[in-house]
Each structure stands twice: as structure tokens, then as C-alpha cells.
């Protein structure tokens, strides 16, 4: 298997967590920051850890990042470095550049200079929390597309002791049950004849409108 290659610009909390997670997943990671202590820390897990000023065009061009599968620009607090890293990554031929922004205006600029995906962590976390709070009695919701999500929900009371076949969930509610959780244990590939027990959490997939309806059903019990 060919190992994926990533370059991370900026090793603050966000950049460091991404770099570490990619390294632990077996990817090759080039980690770059201007601060020596952050680079030293990254050298313990990254394939390469490099101290470099991201506004120094010549230094950045010398890094040889053109073969990377993706770049993550995580220096949102320094807009100049963020913009330059994005431009130079695209100029080098990196096919996919993900850039962290600290404002809507910053996001617009990064998009203009070539970023393929923009991340606004605080905004996205706030929106995720809001969706979870208003979309019914869900434990958590993960938005997969603008219209389609995966959610964890406690089993409705009137589903206890019934099977998926009896409940006819897909046709009746427009969602698919893909797993159940009992504590920290997750069971996938549920038997359609298995009786659902009290206290379990269901993991479901579906259109957001369908999930909202099933969430309201839970709220009303």
C-alpha cells in the first residue's frame, strides 16, 4: 500500500493534532512551523519536521512539496503566512489544499488564492452543536453532506422489543439503522429479526428532514 503524503503548515493546537493523527494513521507527514519548540516536538512523530518562515518564498519553494497528496494550512492567526502557504502549495502542484481561517473574510481570501477547502473550526463547532440541540433528541449528529447526516439517537420507547422488520423503519421514516451501541460497544450488521433492547443507542443514516422528524418523535415521548 502506498503511504499518503501530507504537509502541515503551522503546528499550533489544530495543526499539531492533525499532524499527529495523520502520522499515527501511517501517513508520511512533513510538519512546518517557524517556532523551534513546536518543530522539535513534531520531530518525535512526523516524518520530517522543518523550521521555516512561511512568508519566505525561496525557502518555501525549496521544500519540495509538489509530490504531497494534500496540504493543510493551519496558521490562521497569521494571515500573511496562511495566504503565502496556500499560494505556494498550489503553485508547487499540491492537488488538494485545506486551509484554516479565522474569519469569513479570511476564508474568502484563501478561497480566492486557491484553497480547495476552508475550515472555520469555531464556527463549525458552534453550528454542529446547534444542529445537535435543535434536531431532536440526538446524542450526536455528523453532517455528511448539506442534506444527509449520520446520527446517534436513543431508542424510542415504542421500538423496544420490536425488530427492524416489524418497525419497517426505512419505508416508514426514510432512514437506515446501520448499528447499535450498548455503552461503548458498537454492533454493526444488525439482524433484521433481532429484537431491540431498552437502553441502546441507534446509529442511523438519512436525509436531514427525515432525521428531524424522527428526532421530534423522540422528543414527544
N, C-alpha and C. Protein backbone atom coordinates (compact mmCIF):
# COMPACT_ATOMS: atom_id res chain seq x y z
N UNK A 1 0.84 -1.20 0.00
CA UNK A 1 0.00 0.00 0.00
C UNK A 1 0.88 1.25 0.00
N UNK A 2 0.59 2.20 -0.91
CA UNK A 2 1.35 3.44 -0.96
C UNK A 2 0.91 4.35 0.18
N UNK A 3 1.89 4.83 0.94
CA UNK A 3 1.56 5.72 2.06
C UNK A 3 1.21 7.11 1.55
N UNK A 4 0.16 7.68 2.08
CA UNK A 4 -0.23 9.03 1.73
C UNK A 4 0.78 10.02 2.30
N UNK A 5 0.97 11.13 1.58
CA UNK A 5 1.93 12.15 1.99
C UNK A 5 1.20 13.47 2.21
N UNK A 6 1.48 14.09 3.36
CA UNK A 6 0.83 15.35 3.70
C UNK A 6 1.87 16.36 4.20
N UNK A 7 1.61 17.63 3.92
CA UNK A 7 2.42 18.69 4.50
C UNK A 7 1.50 19.54 5.37
N UNK A 8 1.95 19.81 6.58
CA UNK A 8 1.18 20.61 7.54
C UNK A 8 1.92 21.92 7.78
N UNK A 9 1.29 23.04 7.49
CA UNK A 9 1.87 24.35 7.75
C UNK A 9 1.27 24.91 9.04
N UNK A 10 2.08 25.01 10.07
CA UNK A 10 1.59 25.54 11.34
C UNK A 10 1.32 24.43 12.33
N UNK A 11 1.98 24.50 13.49
CA UNK A 11 1.89 23.43 14.48
C UNK A 11 1.32 23.91 15.81
N UNK A 12 0.33 24.80 15.72
CA UNK A 12 -0.44 25.13 16.91
C UNK A 12 -1.30 23.94 17.28
N UNK A 13 -2.29 24.14 18.14
CA UNK A 13 -3.10 23.01 18.61
C UNK A 13 -3.80 22.28 17.47
N UNK A 14 -4.34 23.04 16.53
CA UNK A 14 -5.06 22.42 15.41
C UNK A 14 -4.09 21.68 14.49
N UNK A 15 -3.03 22.36 14.03
CA UNK A 15 -2.07 21.75 13.13
C UNK A 15 -1.37 20.56 13.75
N UNK A 16 -1.01 20.68 15.03
CA UNK A 16 -0.33 19.58 15.72
C UNK A 16 -1.24 18.36 15.82
N UNK A 17 -2.51 18.58 16.11
CA UNK A 17 -3.42 17.44 16.26
C UNK A 17 -3.63 16.73 14.93
N UNK A 18 -3.71 17.50 13.84
CA UNK A 18 -3.86 16.89 12.51
C UNK A 18 -2.59 16.13 12.14
N UNK A 19 -1.43 16.75 12.35
CA UNK A 19 -0.16 16.12 12.01
C UNK A 19 0.04 14.82 12.79
N UNK A 20 -0.28 14.86 14.06
CA UNK A 20 -0.10 13.68 14.90
C UNK A 20 -1.06 12.56 14.47
N UNK A 21 -2.31 12.91 14.20
CA UNK A 21 -3.29 11.90 13.81
C UNK A 21 -2.92 11.26 12.47
N UNK A 22 -2.46 12.06 11.53
CA UNK A 22 -2.05 11.51 10.24
C UNK A 22 -0.84 10.60 10.38
N UNK A 23 0.10 11.01 11.23
CA UNK A 23 1.29 10.18 11.48
C UNK A 23 0.91 8.85 12.10
N UNK A 24 0.02 8.90 13.09
CA UNK A 24 -0.40 7.69 13.77
C UNK A 24 -1.18 6.76 12.84
N UNK A 25 -1.79 7.35 11.80
CA UNK A 25 -2.54 6.54 10.82
C UNK A 25 -1.63 5.93 9.76
N UNK A 26 -0.32 6.21 9.86
CA UNK A 26 0.64 5.60 8.94
C UNK A 26 1.00 6.45 7.74
N UNK A 27 0.57 7.71 7.71
CA UNK A 27 0.90 8.59 6.59
C UNK A 27 2.27 9.23 6.79
N UNK A 28 2.86 9.67 5.69
CA UNK A 28 4.09 10.45 5.76
C UNK A 28 3.72 11.91 5.94
N UNK A 29 4.30 12.54 6.94
CA UNK A 29 3.93 13.91 7.29
C UNK A 29 5.16 14.81 7.34
N UNK A 30 5.10 15.90 6.57
CA UNK A 30 6.09 16.97 6.68
C UNK A 30 5.44 18.08 7.50
N UNK A 31 5.99 18.36 8.67
CA UNK A 31 5.42 19.36 9.58
C UNK A 31 6.30 20.60 9.59
N UNK A 32 5.69 21.77 9.36
CA UNK A 32 6.46 23.01 9.20
C UNK A 32 5.93 24.08 10.15
N UNK A 33 6.85 24.74 10.84
CA UNK A 33 6.48 25.87 11.68
C UNK A 33 7.71 26.75 11.85
N UNK A 34 7.48 28.01 12.21
CA UNK A 34 8.59 28.94 12.43
C UNK A 34 9.15 28.83 13.84
N UNK A 35 8.40 28.17 14.75
CA UNK A 35 8.82 28.09 16.14
C UNK A 35 9.60 26.81 16.39
N UNK A 36 10.82 26.97 16.91
CA UNK A 36 11.72 25.84 17.12
C UNK A 36 11.14 24.79 18.06
N UNK A 37 10.49 25.22 19.16
CA UNK A 37 9.99 24.25 20.13
C UNK A 37 8.88 23.38 19.54
N UNK A 38 8.05 23.97 18.69
CA UNK A 38 6.97 23.19 18.06
C UNK A 38 7.54 22.20 17.04
N UNK A 39 8.57 22.62 16.34
CA UNK A 39 9.23 21.74 15.37
C UNK A 39 9.90 20.58 16.08
N UNK A 40 10.55 20.87 17.20
CA UNK A 40 11.21 19.81 17.98
C UNK A 40 10.20 18.78 18.46
N UNK A 41 9.06 19.25 18.92
CA UNK A 41 8.00 18.34 19.38
C UNK A 41 7.49 17.49 18.23
N UNK A 42 7.31 18.11 17.06
CA UNK A 42 6.80 17.38 15.90
C UNK A 42 7.80 16.34 15.39
N UNK A 43 9.07 16.57 15.64
CA UNK A 43 10.10 15.63 15.17
C UNK A 43 9.96 14.27 15.83
N UNK A 44 9.22 14.19 16.93
CA UNK A 44 9.03 12.93 17.64
C UNK A 44 8.05 12.01 16.93
N UNK A 45 7.21 12.57 16.05
CA UNK A 45 6.21 11.72 15.39
C UNK A 45 6.13 11.93 13.87
N UNK A 46 6.48 13.11 13.37
CA UNK A 46 6.37 13.39 11.94
C UNK A 46 7.54 12.78 11.16
N UNK A 47 7.32 12.51 9.88
CA UNK A 47 8.39 12.00 9.01
C UNK A 47 9.49 13.04 8.88
N UNK A 48 9.10 14.30 8.68
CA UNK A 48 10.02 15.43 8.65
C UNK A 48 9.42 16.57 9.45
N UNK A 49 10.25 17.25 10.22
CA UNK A 49 9.82 18.43 10.96
C UNK A 49 10.79 19.55 10.62
N UNK A 50 10.28 20.63 10.04
CA UNK A 50 11.14 21.66 9.47
C UNK A 50 10.79 23.03 10.05
N UNK A 51 11.82 23.76 10.46
CA UNK A 51 11.65 25.14 10.92
C UNK A 51 11.78 26.04 9.71
N UNK A 52 10.73 26.77 9.38
CA UNK A 52 10.75 27.63 8.20
C UNK A 52 9.75 28.76 8.35
N UNK A 53 10.11 29.91 7.81
CA UNK A 53 9.22 31.07 7.76
C UNK A 53 8.35 30.94 6.52
N UNK A 54 7.06 30.84 6.71
CA UNK A 54 6.16 30.59 5.58
C UNK A 54 6.00 31.80 4.67
N UNK A 55 6.53 32.95 5.06
CA UNK A 55 6.49 34.13 4.18
C UNK A 55 7.77 34.24 3.35
N UNK A 56 8.73 33.35 3.58
CA UNK A 56 9.98 33.34 2.82
C UNK A 56 9.78 32.46 1.58
N UNK A 57 9.54 33.10 0.46
CA UNK A 57 9.18 32.38 -0.76
C UNK A 57 10.26 31.40 -1.19
N UNK A 58 11.52 31.82 -1.17
CA UNK A 58 12.60 30.95 -1.62
C UNK A 58 12.73 29.70 -0.75
N UNK A 59 12.65 29.90 0.57
CA UNK A 59 12.73 28.75 1.48
C UNK A 59 11.56 27.80 1.24
N UNK A 60 10.39 28.35 1.10
CA UNK A 60 9.21 27.52 0.90
C UNK A 60 9.28 26.74 -0.40
N UNK A 61 9.79 27.38 -1.44
CA UNK A 61 9.90 26.69 -2.73
C UNK A 61 10.95 25.59 -2.71
N UNK A 62 11.89 25.70 -1.78
CA UNK A 62 12.96 24.70 -1.71
C UNK A 62 12.54 23.42 -0.98
N UNK A 63 11.35 23.40 -0.39
CA UNK A 63 10.94 22.28 0.44
C UNK A 63 10.51 21.05 -0.37
N UNK A 64 10.21 21.23 -1.64
CA UNK A 64 9.84 20.10 -2.47
C UNK A 64 8.53 19.44 -2.08
N UNK A 65 7.47 20.25 -2.00
CA UNK A 65 6.18 19.72 -1.53
C UNK A 65 5.27 19.31 -2.68
N UNK A 66 5.76 19.39 -3.91
CA UNK A 66 4.91 19.12 -5.07
C UNK A 66 4.36 17.71 -5.14
N UNK A 67 5.02 16.75 -4.50
CA UNK A 67 4.56 15.35 -4.55
C UNK A 67 3.57 15.00 -3.45
N UNK A 68 3.26 15.97 -2.60
CA UNK A 68 2.33 15.70 -1.50
C UNK A 68 0.92 15.45 -2.02
N UNK A 69 0.18 14.59 -1.33
CA UNK A 69 -1.22 14.33 -1.70
C UNK A 69 -2.12 15.49 -1.28
N UNK A 70 -1.77 16.15 -0.19
CA UNK A 70 -2.58 17.27 0.29
C UNK A 70 -1.75 18.14 1.22
N UNK A 71 -2.16 19.39 1.33
CA UNK A 71 -1.53 20.32 2.28
C UNK A 71 -2.60 20.83 3.23
N UNK A 72 -2.23 20.95 4.50
CA UNK A 72 -3.12 21.53 5.50
C UNK A 72 -2.46 22.81 6.01
N UNK A 73 -3.09 23.94 5.74
CA UNK A 73 -2.57 25.24 6.16
C UNK A 73 -3.27 25.62 7.45
N UNK A 74 -2.54 25.50 8.56
CA UNK A 74 -3.16 25.64 9.89
C UNK A 74 -2.66 26.86 10.64
N UNK A 75 -2.27 27.91 9.91
CA UNK A 75 -1.70 29.11 10.55
C UNK A 75 -2.68 30.28 10.47
N UNK A 76 -3.89 30.08 10.90
CA UNK A 76 -4.94 31.08 10.74
C UNK A 76 -4.64 32.39 11.47
N UNK A 77 -3.89 32.34 12.56
CA UNK A 77 -3.63 33.56 13.33
C UNK A 77 -2.69 34.52 12.61
N UNK A 78 -1.93 34.01 11.63
CA UNK A 78 -1.03 34.84 10.84
C UNK A 78 -1.52 34.81 9.40
N UNK A 79 -2.27 35.84 9.02
CA UNK A 79 -2.92 35.82 7.72
C UNK A 79 -1.92 35.79 6.58
N UNK A 80 -0.82 36.54 6.71
CA UNK A 80 0.18 36.57 5.64
C UNK A 80 0.77 35.18 5.41
N UNK A 81 1.15 34.51 6.50
CA UNK A 81 1.70 33.16 6.38
C UNK A 81 0.68 32.20 5.80
N UNK A 82 -0.55 32.34 6.23
CA UNK A 82 -1.64 31.49 5.75
C UNK A 82 -1.83 31.64 4.25
N UNK A 83 -1.87 32.86 3.78
CA UNK A 83 -2.07 33.12 2.36
C UNK A 83 -0.89 32.63 1.53
N UNK A 84 0.33 32.93 2.00
CA UNK A 84 1.53 32.53 1.26
C UNK A 84 1.65 31.02 1.19
N UNK A 85 1.39 30.33 2.28
CA UNK A 85 1.48 28.87 2.29
C UNK A 85 0.48 28.27 1.32
N UNK A 86 -0.72 28.84 1.28
CA UNK A 86 -1.76 28.35 0.36
C UNK A 86 -1.34 28.55 -1.09
N UNK A 87 -0.87 29.76 -1.40
CA UNK A 87 -0.44 30.08 -2.77
C UNK A 87 0.70 29.17 -3.20
N UNK A 88 1.71 29.02 -2.34
CA UNK A 88 2.89 28.25 -2.71
C UNK A 88 2.60 26.76 -2.81
N UNK A 89 1.67 26.27 -1.98
CA UNK A 89 1.28 24.86 -2.09
C UNK A 89 0.61 24.60 -3.43
N UNK A 90 -0.29 25.47 -3.85
CA UNK A 90 -0.96 25.31 -5.14
C UNK A 90 0.03 25.50 -6.28
N UNK A 91 0.94 26.46 -6.13
CA UNK A 91 1.95 26.71 -7.15
C UNK A 91 2.86 25.50 -7.34
N UNK A 92 3.14 24.80 -6.24
CA UNK A 92 4.01 23.62 -6.29
C UNK A 92 3.31 22.41 -6.90
N UNK A 93 1.99 22.49 -7.03
CA UNK A 93 1.26 21.39 -7.65
C UNK A 93 0.56 20.47 -6.66
N UNK A 94 0.45 20.87 -5.39
CA UNK A 94 -0.28 20.05 -4.43
C UNK A 94 -1.75 20.02 -4.86
N UNK A 95 -2.34 18.84 -5.08
CA UNK A 95 -3.68 18.77 -5.67
C UNK A 95 -4.82 19.20 -4.76
N UNK A 96 -4.61 19.12 -3.45
CA UNK A 96 -5.71 19.44 -2.54
C UNK A 96 -5.16 20.21 -1.33
N UNK A 97 -5.63 21.43 -1.17
CA UNK A 97 -5.16 22.29 -0.09
C UNK A 97 -6.32 22.65 0.83
N UNK A 98 -6.17 22.28 2.09
CA UNK A 98 -7.16 22.60 3.11
C UNK A 98 -6.58 23.71 3.97
N UNK A 99 -7.32 24.80 4.14
CA UNK A 99 -6.80 25.95 4.88
C UNK A 99 -7.74 26.35 6.01
N UNK A 100 -7.16 26.60 7.17
CA UNK A 100 -7.92 27.06 8.32
C UNK A 100 -8.03 28.58 8.27
N UNK A 101 -9.22 29.09 8.50
CA UNK A 101 -9.45 30.53 8.51
C UNK A 101 -9.95 30.97 9.87
N UNK A 102 -9.73 32.24 10.20
CA UNK A 102 -10.22 32.74 11.49
C UNK A 102 -11.38 33.72 11.34
N UNK A 103 -11.83 33.94 10.10
CA UNK A 103 -12.98 34.81 9.87
C UNK A 103 -13.53 34.53 8.48
N UNK A 104 -14.73 35.03 8.21
CA UNK A 104 -15.34 34.84 6.90
C UNK A 104 -14.51 35.55 5.82
N UNK A 105 -13.98 36.74 6.14
CA UNK A 105 -13.16 37.47 5.18
C UNK A 105 -11.88 36.70 4.87
N UNK A 106 -11.24 36.16 5.91
CA UNK A 106 -10.04 35.34 5.73
C UNK A 106 -10.37 34.14 4.84
N UNK A 107 -11.51 33.53 5.07
CA UNK A 107 -11.93 32.37 4.27
C UNK A 107 -12.09 32.75 2.80
N UNK A 108 -12.68 33.91 2.54
CA UNK A 108 -12.87 34.36 1.16
C UNK A 108 -11.54 34.57 0.46
N UNK A 109 -10.57 35.15 1.18
CA UNK A 109 -9.24 35.39 0.60
C UNK A 109 -8.56 34.06 0.28
N UNK A 110 -8.61 33.13 1.21
CA UNK A 110 -7.99 31.82 0.99
C UNK A 110 -8.61 31.10 -0.19
N UNK A 111 -9.92 31.22 -0.33
CA UNK A 111 -10.60 30.60 -1.47
C UNK A 111 -10.13 31.24 -2.77
N UNK A 112 -9.97 32.56 -2.75
CA UNK A 112 -9.53 33.29 -3.94
C UNK A 112 -8.13 32.87 -4.39
N UNK A 113 -7.25 32.57 -3.43
CA UNK A 113 -5.86 32.24 -3.78
C UNK A 113 -5.66 30.75 -4.00
N UNK A 114 -6.75 29.97 -3.98
CA UNK A 114 -6.63 28.59 -4.42
C UNK A 114 -6.97 27.48 -3.45
N UNK A 115 -7.29 27.79 -2.20
CA UNK A 115 -7.62 26.73 -1.24
C UNK A 115 -8.83 25.94 -1.74
N UNK A 116 -8.72 24.61 -1.65
CA UNK A 116 -9.81 23.75 -2.10
C UNK A 116 -10.90 23.58 -1.04
N UNK A 117 -10.51 23.64 0.21
CA UNK A 117 -11.48 23.52 1.31
C UNK A 117 -11.07 24.47 2.43
N UNK A 118 -12.04 25.16 2.98
CA UNK A 118 -11.80 26.10 4.07
C UNK A 118 -12.40 25.55 5.35
N UNK A 119 -11.67 25.65 6.44
CA UNK A 119 -12.16 25.22 7.75
C UNK A 119 -12.23 26.43 8.67
N UNK A 120 -13.40 26.64 9.24
CA UNK A 120 -13.59 27.66 10.29
C UNK A 120 -13.97 26.91 11.56
N UNK A 121 -12.98 26.43 12.31
CA UNK A 121 -13.25 25.50 13.42
C UNK A 121 -14.29 25.97 14.43
N UNK A 122 -14.16 27.18 14.92
CA UNK A 122 -15.11 27.65 15.95
C UNK A 122 -16.51 27.76 15.38
N UNK A 123 -16.63 28.28 14.16
CA UNK A 123 -17.94 28.42 13.52
C UNK A 123 -18.56 27.04 13.29
N UNK A 124 -17.74 26.10 12.79
CA UNK A 124 -18.26 24.77 12.50
C UNK A 124 -18.64 24.02 13.77
N UNK A 125 -17.85 24.21 14.83
CA UNK A 125 -18.19 23.57 16.10
C UNK A 125 -19.49 24.14 16.65
N UNK A 126 -19.66 25.47 16.54
CA UNK A 126 -20.88 26.10 17.03
C UNK A 126 -22.10 25.64 16.25
N UNK A 127 -21.96 25.55 14.93
CA UNK A 127 -23.07 25.10 14.10
C UNK A 127 -23.41 23.63 14.37
N UNK A 128 -22.35 22.83 14.57
CA UNK A 128 -22.58 21.41 14.88
C UNK A 128 -23.34 21.26 16.19
N UNK A 129 -22.95 22.03 17.21
CA UNK A 129 -23.64 21.98 18.50
C UNK A 129 -25.09 22.42 18.34
N UNK A 130 -25.30 23.49 17.58
CA UNK A 130 -26.66 24.00 17.38
C UNK A 130 -27.53 22.96 16.69
N UNK A 131 -26.99 22.30 15.64
CA UNK A 131 -27.77 21.27 14.95
C UNK A 131 -28.14 20.13 15.88
N UNK A 132 -27.19 19.76 16.73
CA UNK A 132 -27.44 18.67 17.67
C UNK A 132 -28.54 19.05 18.65
N UNK A 133 -28.54 20.30 19.09
CA UNK A 133 -29.51 20.76 20.09
C UNK A 133 -30.92 20.90 19.51
N UNK A 134 -31.02 21.35 18.24
CA UNK A 134 -32.35 21.64 17.70
C UNK A 134 -32.90 20.51 16.83
N UNK A 135 -32.08 19.51 16.51
CA UNK A 135 -32.54 18.47 15.59
C UNK A 135 -33.09 17.25 16.32
N UNK A 136 -33.77 17.48 17.40
CA UNK A 136 -34.38 16.37 18.11
C UNK A 136 -33.49 15.81 19.20
N UNK A 137 -33.93 14.70 19.75
CA UNK A 137 -33.26 14.10 20.91
C UNK A 137 -32.12 13.19 20.46
N UNK A 138 -31.10 13.79 19.82
CA UNK A 138 -29.96 13.04 19.33
C UNK A 138 -28.79 13.16 20.29
N UNK A 139 -27.99 12.09 20.37
CA UNK A 139 -26.75 12.14 21.14
C UNK A 139 -25.71 12.94 20.37
N UNK A 140 -25.67 12.74 19.05
CA UNK A 140 -24.70 13.44 18.20
C UNK A 140 -25.16 13.35 16.75
N UNK A 141 -24.76 14.33 15.96
CA UNK A 141 -25.06 14.35 14.53
C UNK A 141 -23.78 14.67 13.78
N UNK A 142 -23.49 13.92 12.72
CA UNK A 142 -22.36 14.19 11.85
C UNK A 142 -22.91 14.48 10.47
N UNK A 143 -22.72 15.69 9.97
CA UNK A 143 -23.22 16.08 8.66
C UNK A 143 -22.29 15.53 7.59
N UNK A 144 -22.81 14.66 6.72
CA UNK A 144 -22.01 14.07 5.65
C UNK A 144 -22.06 14.91 4.38
N UNK A 145 -23.23 15.47 4.10
CA UNK A 145 -23.40 16.45 3.02
C UNK A 145 -24.36 17.50 3.56
N UNK A 146 -24.69 18.47 2.72
CA UNK A 146 -25.62 19.51 3.16
C UNK A 146 -27.00 18.95 3.48
N UNK A 147 -27.34 17.79 2.89
CA UNK A 147 -28.69 17.24 3.05
C UNK A 147 -28.75 15.89 3.75
N UNK A 148 -27.61 15.32 4.07
CA UNK A 148 -27.56 13.94 4.53
C UNK A 148 -26.62 13.82 5.72
N UNK A 149 -27.07 13.13 6.79
CA UNK A 149 -26.28 13.06 8.01
C UNK A 149 -26.33 11.67 8.63
N UNK A 150 -25.40 11.44 9.55
CA UNK A 150 -25.42 10.26 10.40
C UNK A 150 -25.66 10.74 11.82
N UNK A 151 -26.52 10.04 12.55
CA UNK A 151 -26.87 10.49 13.89
C UNK A 151 -26.92 9.31 14.86
N UNK A 152 -26.65 9.64 16.13
CA UNK A 152 -26.85 8.69 17.21
C UNK A 152 -28.09 9.12 17.98
N UNK A 153 -28.98 8.18 18.24
CA UNK A 153 -30.22 8.52 18.93
C UNK A 153 -30.61 7.41 19.90
N UNK A 154 -31.11 7.78 21.06
CA UNK A 154 -31.62 6.75 21.97
C UNK A 154 -32.83 6.07 21.35
N UNK A 155 -33.01 4.82 21.62
CA UNK A 155 -34.11 4.08 21.02
C UNK A 155 -35.46 4.63 21.51
N UNK A 156 -36.38 4.94 20.59
CA UNK A 156 -37.72 5.37 21.01
C UNK A 156 -38.40 4.28 21.84
N UNK A 157 -39.18 4.69 22.81
CA UNK A 157 -39.81 3.73 23.72
C UNK A 157 -40.68 2.71 22.99
N UNK A 158 -41.38 3.17 21.95
CA UNK A 158 -42.29 2.24 21.27
C UNK A 158 -41.57 1.32 20.28
N UNK A 159 -40.22 1.42 20.19
CA UNK A 159 -39.45 0.50 19.36
C UNK A 159 -38.87 -0.65 20.20
N UNK A 160 -38.89 -0.50 21.51
CA UNK A 160 -38.29 -1.51 22.40
C UNK A 160 -39.04 -2.83 22.25
N UNK A 161 -38.26 -3.93 22.10
CA UNK A 161 -38.86 -5.25 21.98
C UNK A 161 -39.35 -5.58 20.60
N UNK A 162 -39.09 -4.71 19.62
CA UNK A 162 -39.51 -4.96 18.24
C UNK A 162 -38.27 -5.10 17.35
N UNK A 163 -38.44 -5.73 16.22
CA UNK A 163 -37.34 -5.92 15.27
C UNK A 163 -37.40 -4.85 14.18
N UNK A 164 -36.32 -4.76 13.40
CA UNK A 164 -36.28 -3.81 12.29
C UNK A 164 -37.34 -4.15 11.25
N UNK A 165 -37.57 -5.43 11.04
CA UNK A 165 -38.61 -5.84 10.09
C UNK A 165 -39.98 -5.38 10.56
N UNK A 166 -40.25 -5.59 11.84
CA UNK A 166 -41.55 -5.18 12.38
C UNK A 166 -41.74 -3.67 12.29
N UNK A 167 -40.69 -2.93 12.57
CA UNK A 167 -40.78 -1.47 12.60
C UNK A 167 -40.81 -0.86 11.19
N UNK A 168 -40.24 -1.59 10.20
CA UNK A 168 -40.23 -1.10 8.81
C UNK A 168 -39.69 0.33 8.75
N UNK A 169 -38.55 0.55 9.42
CA UNK A 169 -38.03 1.90 9.63
C UNK A 169 -37.68 2.61 8.33
N UNK A 170 -37.06 1.88 7.39
CA UNK A 170 -36.62 2.52 6.14
C UNK A 170 -37.81 3.08 5.37
N UNK A 171 -38.87 2.30 5.24
CA UNK A 171 -40.03 2.75 4.47
C UNK A 171 -40.88 3.76 5.23
N UNK A 172 -40.98 3.57 6.55
CA UNK A 172 -41.85 4.43 7.35
C UNK A 172 -41.24 5.78 7.67
N UNK A 173 -39.92 5.79 7.92
CA UNK A 173 -39.27 7.03 8.37
C UNK A 173 -38.20 7.56 7.40
N UNK A 174 -37.82 6.77 6.40
CA UNK A 174 -36.84 7.23 5.42
C UNK A 174 -35.41 7.25 5.93
N UNK A 175 -35.13 6.45 6.96
CA UNK A 175 -33.77 6.38 7.49
C UNK A 175 -33.31 4.92 7.54
N UNK A 176 -32.01 4.72 7.65
CA UNK A 176 -31.44 3.39 7.75
C UNK A 176 -30.72 3.23 9.08
N UNK A 177 -31.03 2.16 9.80
CA UNK A 177 -30.31 1.84 11.02
C UNK A 177 -29.07 1.04 10.62
N UNK A 178 -27.87 1.57 10.93
CA UNK A 178 -26.64 0.88 10.49
C UNK A 178 -25.90 0.19 11.65
N UNK A 179 -26.24 0.55 12.88
CA UNK A 179 -25.57 -0.08 14.02
C UNK A 179 -26.31 0.27 15.31
N UNK A 180 -25.93 -0.41 16.37
CA UNK A 180 -26.44 -0.06 17.69
C UNK A 180 -25.28 0.01 18.66
N UNK A 181 -25.42 0.85 19.67
CA UNK A 181 -24.39 0.99 20.70
C UNK A 181 -24.98 0.59 22.04
N UNK A 182 -24.22 -0.22 22.76
CA UNK A 182 -24.55 -0.56 24.14
C UNK A 182 -23.35 -0.17 24.97
N UNK A 183 -23.44 0.96 25.66
CA UNK A 183 -22.27 1.51 26.32
C UNK A 183 -21.27 1.95 25.27
N UNK A 184 -20.03 1.44 25.34
CA UNK A 184 -19.01 1.77 24.35
C UNK A 184 -18.92 0.74 23.24
N UNK A 185 -19.73 -0.31 23.31
CA UNK A 185 -19.67 -1.39 22.32
C UNK A 185 -20.60 -1.09 21.16
N UNK A 186 -20.04 -1.18 19.93
CA UNK A 186 -20.83 -0.93 18.73
C UNK A 186 -21.03 -2.23 17.97
N UNK A 187 -22.26 -2.52 17.60
CA UNK A 187 -22.57 -3.71 16.81
C UNK A 187 -23.15 -3.28 15.47
N UNK A 188 -22.47 -3.68 14.38
CA UNK A 188 -22.97 -3.37 13.05
C UNK A 188 -23.62 -4.62 12.45
N UNK A 189 -24.17 -4.48 11.26
CA UNK A 189 -24.83 -5.61 10.59
C UNK A 189 -25.89 -6.25 11.48
N UNK A 190 -26.81 -5.42 11.96
CA UNK A 190 -27.87 -5.94 12.81
C UNK A 190 -28.77 -6.91 12.03
N UNK A 191 -29.17 -7.96 12.69
CA UNK A 191 -30.13 -8.88 12.10
C UNK A 191 -31.49 -8.19 12.03
N UNK A 192 -32.17 -8.26 10.89
CA UNK A 192 -33.49 -7.61 10.78
C UNK A 192 -34.54 -8.20 11.70
N UNK A 193 -34.27 -9.41 12.25
CA UNK A 193 -35.24 -10.04 13.15
C UNK A 193 -34.85 -9.87 14.62
N UNK A 194 -33.70 -9.25 14.88
CA UNK A 194 -33.25 -9.07 16.27
C UNK A 194 -34.13 -8.07 16.99
N UNK A 195 -34.53 -8.41 18.20
CA UNK A 195 -35.37 -7.51 18.99
C UNK A 195 -34.50 -6.43 19.62
N UNK A 196 -34.93 -5.19 19.52
CA UNK A 196 -34.18 -4.05 20.06
C UNK A 196 -34.45 -3.91 21.55
N UNK A 197 -33.34 -3.72 22.31
CA UNK A 197 -33.47 -3.68 23.77
C UNK A 197 -33.53 -2.24 24.30
N UNK A 198 -34.10 -2.11 25.47
CA UNK A 198 -34.14 -0.82 26.15
C UNK A 198 -32.72 -0.39 26.51
N UNK A 199 -32.45 0.91 26.39
CA UNK A 199 -31.17 1.45 26.82
C UNK A 199 -30.11 1.54 25.74
N UNK A 200 -30.40 0.99 24.54
CA UNK A 200 -29.39 1.06 23.49
C UNK A 200 -29.48 2.41 22.75
N UNK A 201 -28.39 2.74 22.05
CA UNK A 201 -28.35 3.90 21.17
C UNK A 201 -28.24 3.40 19.75
N UNK A 202 -29.07 3.94 18.87
CA UNK A 202 -29.05 3.54 17.47
C UNK A 202 -28.23 4.53 16.66
N UNK A 203 -27.46 4.01 15.70
CA UNK A 203 -26.72 4.85 14.76
C UNK A 203 -27.46 4.77 13.43
N UNK A 204 -27.94 5.92 12.96
CA UNK A 204 -28.81 5.93 11.78
C UNK A 204 -28.27 6.88 10.72
N UNK A 205 -28.62 6.61 9.48
CA UNK A 205 -28.28 7.45 8.33
C UNK A 205 -29.56 7.90 7.66
N UNK A 206 -29.56 9.15 7.20
CA UNK A 206 -30.75 9.57 6.48
C UNK A 206 -30.71 11.02 6.06
N UNK A 207 -31.69 11.38 5.27
CA UNK A 207 -31.91 12.76 4.86
C UNK A 207 -32.18 13.59 6.13
N UNK A 208 -31.65 14.81 6.14
CA UNK A 208 -31.77 15.65 7.33
C UNK A 208 -33.23 15.89 7.73
N UNK A 209 -34.12 16.02 6.74
CA UNK A 209 -35.53 16.25 7.06
C UNK A 209 -36.14 15.03 7.74
N UNK A 210 -35.73 13.84 7.28
CA UNK A 210 -36.23 12.61 7.90
C UNK A 210 -35.69 12.47 9.32
N UNK A 211 -34.41 12.83 9.50
CA UNK A 211 -33.81 12.76 10.84
C UNK A 211 -34.49 13.73 11.79
N UNK A 212 -34.84 14.90 11.27
CA UNK A 212 -35.53 15.89 12.11
C UNK A 212 -36.88 15.34 12.58
N UNK A 213 -37.60 14.66 11.69
CA UNK A 213 -38.89 14.09 12.06
C UNK A 213 -38.74 13.02 13.13
N UNK A 214 -37.76 12.12 12.94
CA UNK A 214 -37.58 11.05 13.93
C UNK A 214 -37.09 11.62 15.25
N UNK A 215 -36.31 12.72 15.19
CA UNK A 215 -35.86 13.35 16.42
C UNK A 215 -37.02 13.96 17.20
N UNK A 216 -37.96 14.55 16.48
CA UNK A 216 -39.14 15.12 17.14
C UNK A 216 -40.01 14.02 17.74
N UNK A 217 -40.03 12.86 17.08
CA UNK A 217 -40.78 11.73 17.62
C UNK A 217 -40.20 11.36 19.00
N UNK A 218 -38.88 11.35 19.08
CA UNK A 218 -38.23 11.04 20.35
C UNK A 218 -38.53 12.10 21.40
N UNK A 219 -38.53 13.36 20.97
CA UNK A 219 -38.81 14.46 21.90
C UNK A 219 -40.19 14.33 22.52
N UNK A 220 -41.14 13.82 21.74
CA UNK A 220 -42.53 13.75 22.20
C UNK A 220 -42.82 12.57 23.10
N UNK A 221 -41.83 11.71 23.33
CA UNK A 221 -42.07 10.52 24.17
C UNK A 221 -41.66 10.81 25.61
